[in-house]
């Protein structure tokens, strides 16, 4: 069971790191892969900095959690993913955004896996 959870955390962690690095080196492709257009000016700076750091931070935290076995390293990205899903629903309900159900399902599922990893992989007592 531990191996399964390690794989279920490691694969998205690596993908998140790759996506974060992609925002740094090829932001137009990264934006397109998320259904976004790359902004201009300060908006582009914010988009690259904020979205890139979101993916990099989550991926790095998940990898640190796998290496250290500390539950807090799984809890932080789980919170970030749960909030992203919540804000997507809010954007749909209040701000006339499209309902990104496929993204919401992935975010909720991965947040759930990370919370389960807290108990399955944690060395904290």
C-alpha atoms as a PDB file:
ATOM      1  CA  UNK A   1       0.000   0.000   0.000  1.00  0.00           C
ATOM      2  CA  UNK A   2       2.867   2.384   0.763  1.00  0.00           C
ATOM      3  CA  UNK A   3       4.323   1.844  -2.692  1.00  0.00           C
ATOM      4  CA  UNK A   4       0.976   2.663  -4.305  1.00  0.00           C
ATOM      5  CA  UNK A   5       0.699   5.938  -2.358  1.00  0.00           C
ATOM      6  CA  UNK A   6       4.311   6.815  -3.136  1.00  0.00           C
ATOM      7  CA  UNK A   7       3.574   6.389  -6.853  1.00  0.00           C
ATOM      8  CA  UNK A   8       0.250   8.255  -6.588  1.00  0.00           C
ATOM      9  CA  UNK A   9       2.129  11.182  -5.057  1.00  0.00           C
ATOM     10  CA  UNK A  10       5.363  10.993  -7.064  1.00  0.00           C
ATOM     11  CA  UNK A  11       3.823  11.067 -10.540  1.00  0.00           C
ATOM     12  CA  UNK A  12       1.790  14.262 -10.083  1.00  0.00           C
ATOM     13  CA  UNK A  13       4.658  15.810  -8.094  1.00  0.00           C
ATOM     14  CA  UNK A  14       6.994  15.368 -11.042  1.00  0.00           C
ATOM     15  CA  UNK A  15       4.332  16.602 -13.467  1.00  0.00           C
ATOM     16  CA  UNK A  16       3.763  19.697 -11.322  1.00  0.00           C
ATOM     17  CA  UNK A  17       7.492  20.474 -11.228  1.00  0.00           C
ATOM     18  CA  UNK A  18       7.674  20.075 -15.012  1.00  0.00           C
ATOM     19  CA  UNK A  19       4.632  22.337 -15.461  1.00  0.00           C
ATOM     20  CA  UNK A  20       6.143  24.950 -13.134  1.00  0.00           C
ATOM     21  CA  UNK A  21       9.416  24.901 -15.063  1.00  0.00           C
ATOM     22  CA  UNK A  22       7.466  25.109 -18.298  1.00  0.00           C
ATOM     23  CA  UNK A  23       5.913  28.358 -17.064  1.00  0.00           C
ATOM     24  CA  UNK A  24       9.462  29.672 -16.615  1.00  0.00           C
ATOM     25  CA  UNK A  25      10.836  28.651 -20.021  1.00  0.00           C
ATOM     26  CA  UNK A  26       7.829  28.263 -22.356  1.00  0.00           C
ATOM     27  CA  UNK A  27       4.898  30.108 -20.783  1.00  0.00           C
ATOM     28  CA  UNK A  28       2.752  30.286 -23.914  1.00  0.00           C
ATOM     29  CA  UNK A  29       2.620  26.489 -24.190  1.00  0.00           C
ATOM     30  CA  UNK A  30       2.025  26.164 -20.461  1.00  0.00           C
ATOM     31  CA  UNK A  31      -0.863  28.631 -20.632  1.00  0.00           C
ATOM     32  CA  UNK A  32      -2.393  26.879 -23.638  1.00  0.00           C
ATOM     33  CA  UNK A  33      -2.227  23.494 -21.900  1.00  0.00           C
ATOM     34  CA  UNK A  34      -4.413  24.947 -19.123  1.00  0.00           C
ATOM     35  CA  UNK A  35      -6.892  26.555 -21.507  1.00  0.00           C
ATOM     36  CA  UNK A  36      -5.459  30.024 -20.906  1.00  0.00           C
ATOM     37  CA  UNK A  37      -4.058  32.699 -23.153  1.00  0.00           C
ATOM     38  CA  UNK A  38      -0.807  34.314 -22.146  1.00  0.00           C
ATOM     39  CA  UNK A  39      -1.441  37.833 -20.889  1.00  0.00           C
ATOM     40  CA  UNK A  40       0.678  40.905 -21.636  1.00  0.00           C
ATOM     41  CA  UNK A  41       2.532  43.398 -19.459  1.00  0.00           C
ATOM     42  CA  UNK A  42       2.200  43.094 -15.690  1.00  0.00           C
ATOM     43  CA  UNK A  43      -0.557  40.527 -16.167  1.00  0.00           C
ATOM     44  CA  UNK A  44       1.961  38.253 -17.927  1.00  0.00           C
ATOM     45  CA  UNK A  45       4.427  38.721 -15.080  1.00  0.00           C
ATOM     46  CA  UNK A  46       1.751  37.835 -12.537  1.00  0.00           C
ATOM     47  CA  UNK A  47       0.485  34.917 -14.593  1.00  0.00           C
ATOM     48  CA  UNK A  48       3.947  33.382 -15.061  1.00  0.00           C
ATOM     49  CA  UNK A  49       5.026  34.096 -11.478  1.00  0.00           C
ATOM     50  CA  UNK A  50       1.834  33.062  -9.728  1.00  0.00           C
ATOM     51  CA  UNK A  51       0.842  30.031 -11.784  1.00  0.00           C
ATOM     52  CA  UNK A  52       4.427  28.839 -12.196  1.00  0.00           C
ATOM     53  CA  UNK A  53       5.111  29.106  -8.484  1.00  0.00           C
ATOM     54  CA  UNK A  54       1.809  27.345  -7.692  1.00  0.00           C
ATOM     55  CA  UNK A  55       2.882  24.279  -9.681  1.00  0.00           C
ATOM     56  CA  UNK A  56       6.527  24.346  -8.614  1.00  0.00           C
ATOM     57  CA  UNK A  57       5.692  24.784  -4.939  1.00  0.00           C
ATOM     58  CA  UNK A  58       3.163  21.959  -4.936  1.00  0.00           C
ATOM     59  CA  UNK A  59       5.479  19.593  -6.775  1.00  0.00           C
ATOM     60  CA  UNK A  60       8.459  20.391  -4.577  1.00  0.00           C
ATOM     61  CA  UNK A  61       6.416  20.063  -1.375  1.00  0.00           C
ATOM     62  CA  UNK A  62       5.096  16.691  -2.477  1.00  0.00           C
ATOM     63  CA  UNK A  63       8.612  15.465  -3.276  1.00  0.00           C
ATOM     64  CA  UNK A  64       9.904  16.743   0.067  1.00  0.00           C
ATOM     65  CA  UNK A  65       7.049  14.889   1.753  1.00  0.00           C
ATOM     66  CA  UNK A  66       8.067  11.681  -0.002  1.00  0.00           C
ATOM     67  CA  UNK A  67      11.699  12.110   1.086  1.00  0.00           C
ATOM     68  CA  UNK A  68      11.121  13.270   4.672  1.00  0.00           C
ATOM     69  CA  UNK A  69       7.894  11.482   5.571  1.00  0.00           C
ATOM     70  CA  UNK A  70       6.589  14.656   7.271  1.00  0.00           C
ATOM     71  CA  UNK A  71       2.823  14.981   6.952  1.00  0.00           C
ATOM     72  CA  UNK A  72       2.855  18.790   6.699  1.00  0.00           C
ATOM     73  CA  UNK A  73       4.557  18.537   3.306  1.00  0.00           C
ATOM     74  CA  UNK A  74       1.499  16.641   2.012  1.00  0.00           C
ATOM     75  CA  UNK A  75      -1.048  18.850   3.800  1.00  0.00           C
ATOM     76  CA  UNK A  76       0.089  22.113   2.221  1.00  0.00           C
ATOM     77  CA  UNK A  77      -0.350  21.048  -1.435  1.00  0.00           C
ATOM     78  CA  UNK A  78      -3.602  19.277  -0.503  1.00  0.00           C
ATOM     79  CA  UNK A  79      -4.890  22.591   0.836  1.00  0.00           C
ATOM     80  CA  UNK A  80      -3.734  24.422  -2.298  1.00  0.00           C
ATOM     81  CA  UNK A  81      -5.511  21.922  -4.558  1.00  0.00           C
ATOM     82  CA  UNK A  82      -8.709  21.959  -2.478  1.00  0.00           C
ATOM     83  CA  UNK A  83      -8.766  25.757  -2.594  1.00  0.00           C
ATOM     84  CA  UNK A  84      -8.146  25.763  -6.353  1.00  0.00           C
ATOM     85  CA  UNK A  85     -11.133  23.442  -6.825  1.00  0.00           C
ATOM     86  CA  UNK A  86     -13.280  25.567  -4.512  1.00  0.00           C
ATOM     87  CA  UNK A  87     -12.372  28.788  -6.303  1.00  0.00           C
ATOM     88  CA  UNK A  88     -13.095  27.176  -9.685  1.00  0.00           C
ATOM     89  CA  UNK A  89     -16.620  26.374  -8.479  1.00  0.00           C
ATOM     90  CA  UNK A  90     -16.963  29.916  -7.131  1.00  0.00           C
ATOM     91  CA  UNK A  91     -15.787  31.333 -10.479  1.00  0.00           C
ATOM     92  CA  UNK A  92     -18.475  29.279 -12.203  1.00  0.00           C
ATOM     93  CA  UNK A  93     -21.237  30.193  -9.734  1.00  0.00           C
ATOM     94  CA  UNK A  94     -20.497  33.894  -9.340  1.00  0.00           C
ATOM     95  CA  UNK A  95     -18.246  35.114 -12.145  1.00  0.00           C
ATOM     96  CA  UNK A  96     -19.672  33.477 -15.283  1.00  0.00           C
ATOM     97  CA  UNK A  97     -16.653  31.207 -15.815  1.00  0.00           C
ATOM     98  CA  UNK A  98     -16.966  27.873 -17.553  1.00  0.00           C
ATOM     99  CA  UNK A  99     -17.321  24.925 -15.182  1.00  0.00           C
ATOM    100  CA  UNK A 100     -13.934  23.181 -15.415  1.00  0.00           C
ATOM    101  CA  UNK A 101     -15.254  19.898 -14.061  1.00  0.00           C
ATOM    102  CA  UNK A 102     -12.345  17.823 -15.376  1.00  0.00           C
ATOM    103  CA  UNK A 103      -9.842  20.033 -13.545  1.00  0.00           C
ATOM    104  CA  UNK A 104     -11.961  20.124 -10.380  1.00  0.00           C
ATOM    105  CA  UNK A 105     -12.194  16.327 -10.294  1.00  0.00           C
ATOM    106  CA  UNK A 106      -8.405  15.985 -10.635  1.00  0.00           C
ATOM    107  CA  UNK A 107      -7.784  18.596  -7.931  1.00  0.00           C
ATOM    108  CA  UNK A 108     -10.222  17.018  -5.470  1.00  0.00           C
ATOM    109  CA  UNK A 109      -8.932  13.504  -6.177  1.00  0.00           C
ATOM    110  CA  UNK A 110      -5.295  14.498  -5.739  1.00  0.00           C
ATOM    111  CA  UNK A 111      -6.052  16.507  -2.589  1.00  0.00           C
ATOM    112  CA  UNK A 112      -7.734  13.381  -1.221  1.00  0.00           C
ATOM    113  CA  UNK A 113      -4.751  11.197  -2.126  1.00  0.00           C
ATOM    114  CA  UNK A 114      -2.426  13.664  -0.406  1.00  0.00           C
ATOM    115  CA  UNK A 115      -4.541  13.653   2.752  1.00  0.00           C
ATOM    116  CA  UNK A 116      -4.515   9.849   2.763  1.00  0.00           C
ATOM    117  CA  UNK A 117      -0.762   9.952   2.208  1.00  0.00           C
ATOM    118  CA  UNK A 118      -0.516  11.914   5.464  1.00  0.00           C
ATOM    119  CA  UNK A 119      -1.409   8.783   7.370  1.00  0.00           C
ATOM    120  CA  UNK A 120      -0.016   6.137   5.000  1.00  0.00           C
ATOM    121  CA  UNK A 121       3.396   7.702   4.361  1.00  0.00           C
ATOM    122  CA  UNK A 122       3.949   9.945   7.359  1.00  0.00           C
ATOM    123  CA  UNK A 123       6.715   9.181   9.825  1.00  0.00           C
ATOM    124  CA  UNK A 124       5.303  11.817  12.224  1.00  0.00           C
ATOM    125  CA  UNK A 125       3.884  10.391  15.422  1.00  0.00           C
END
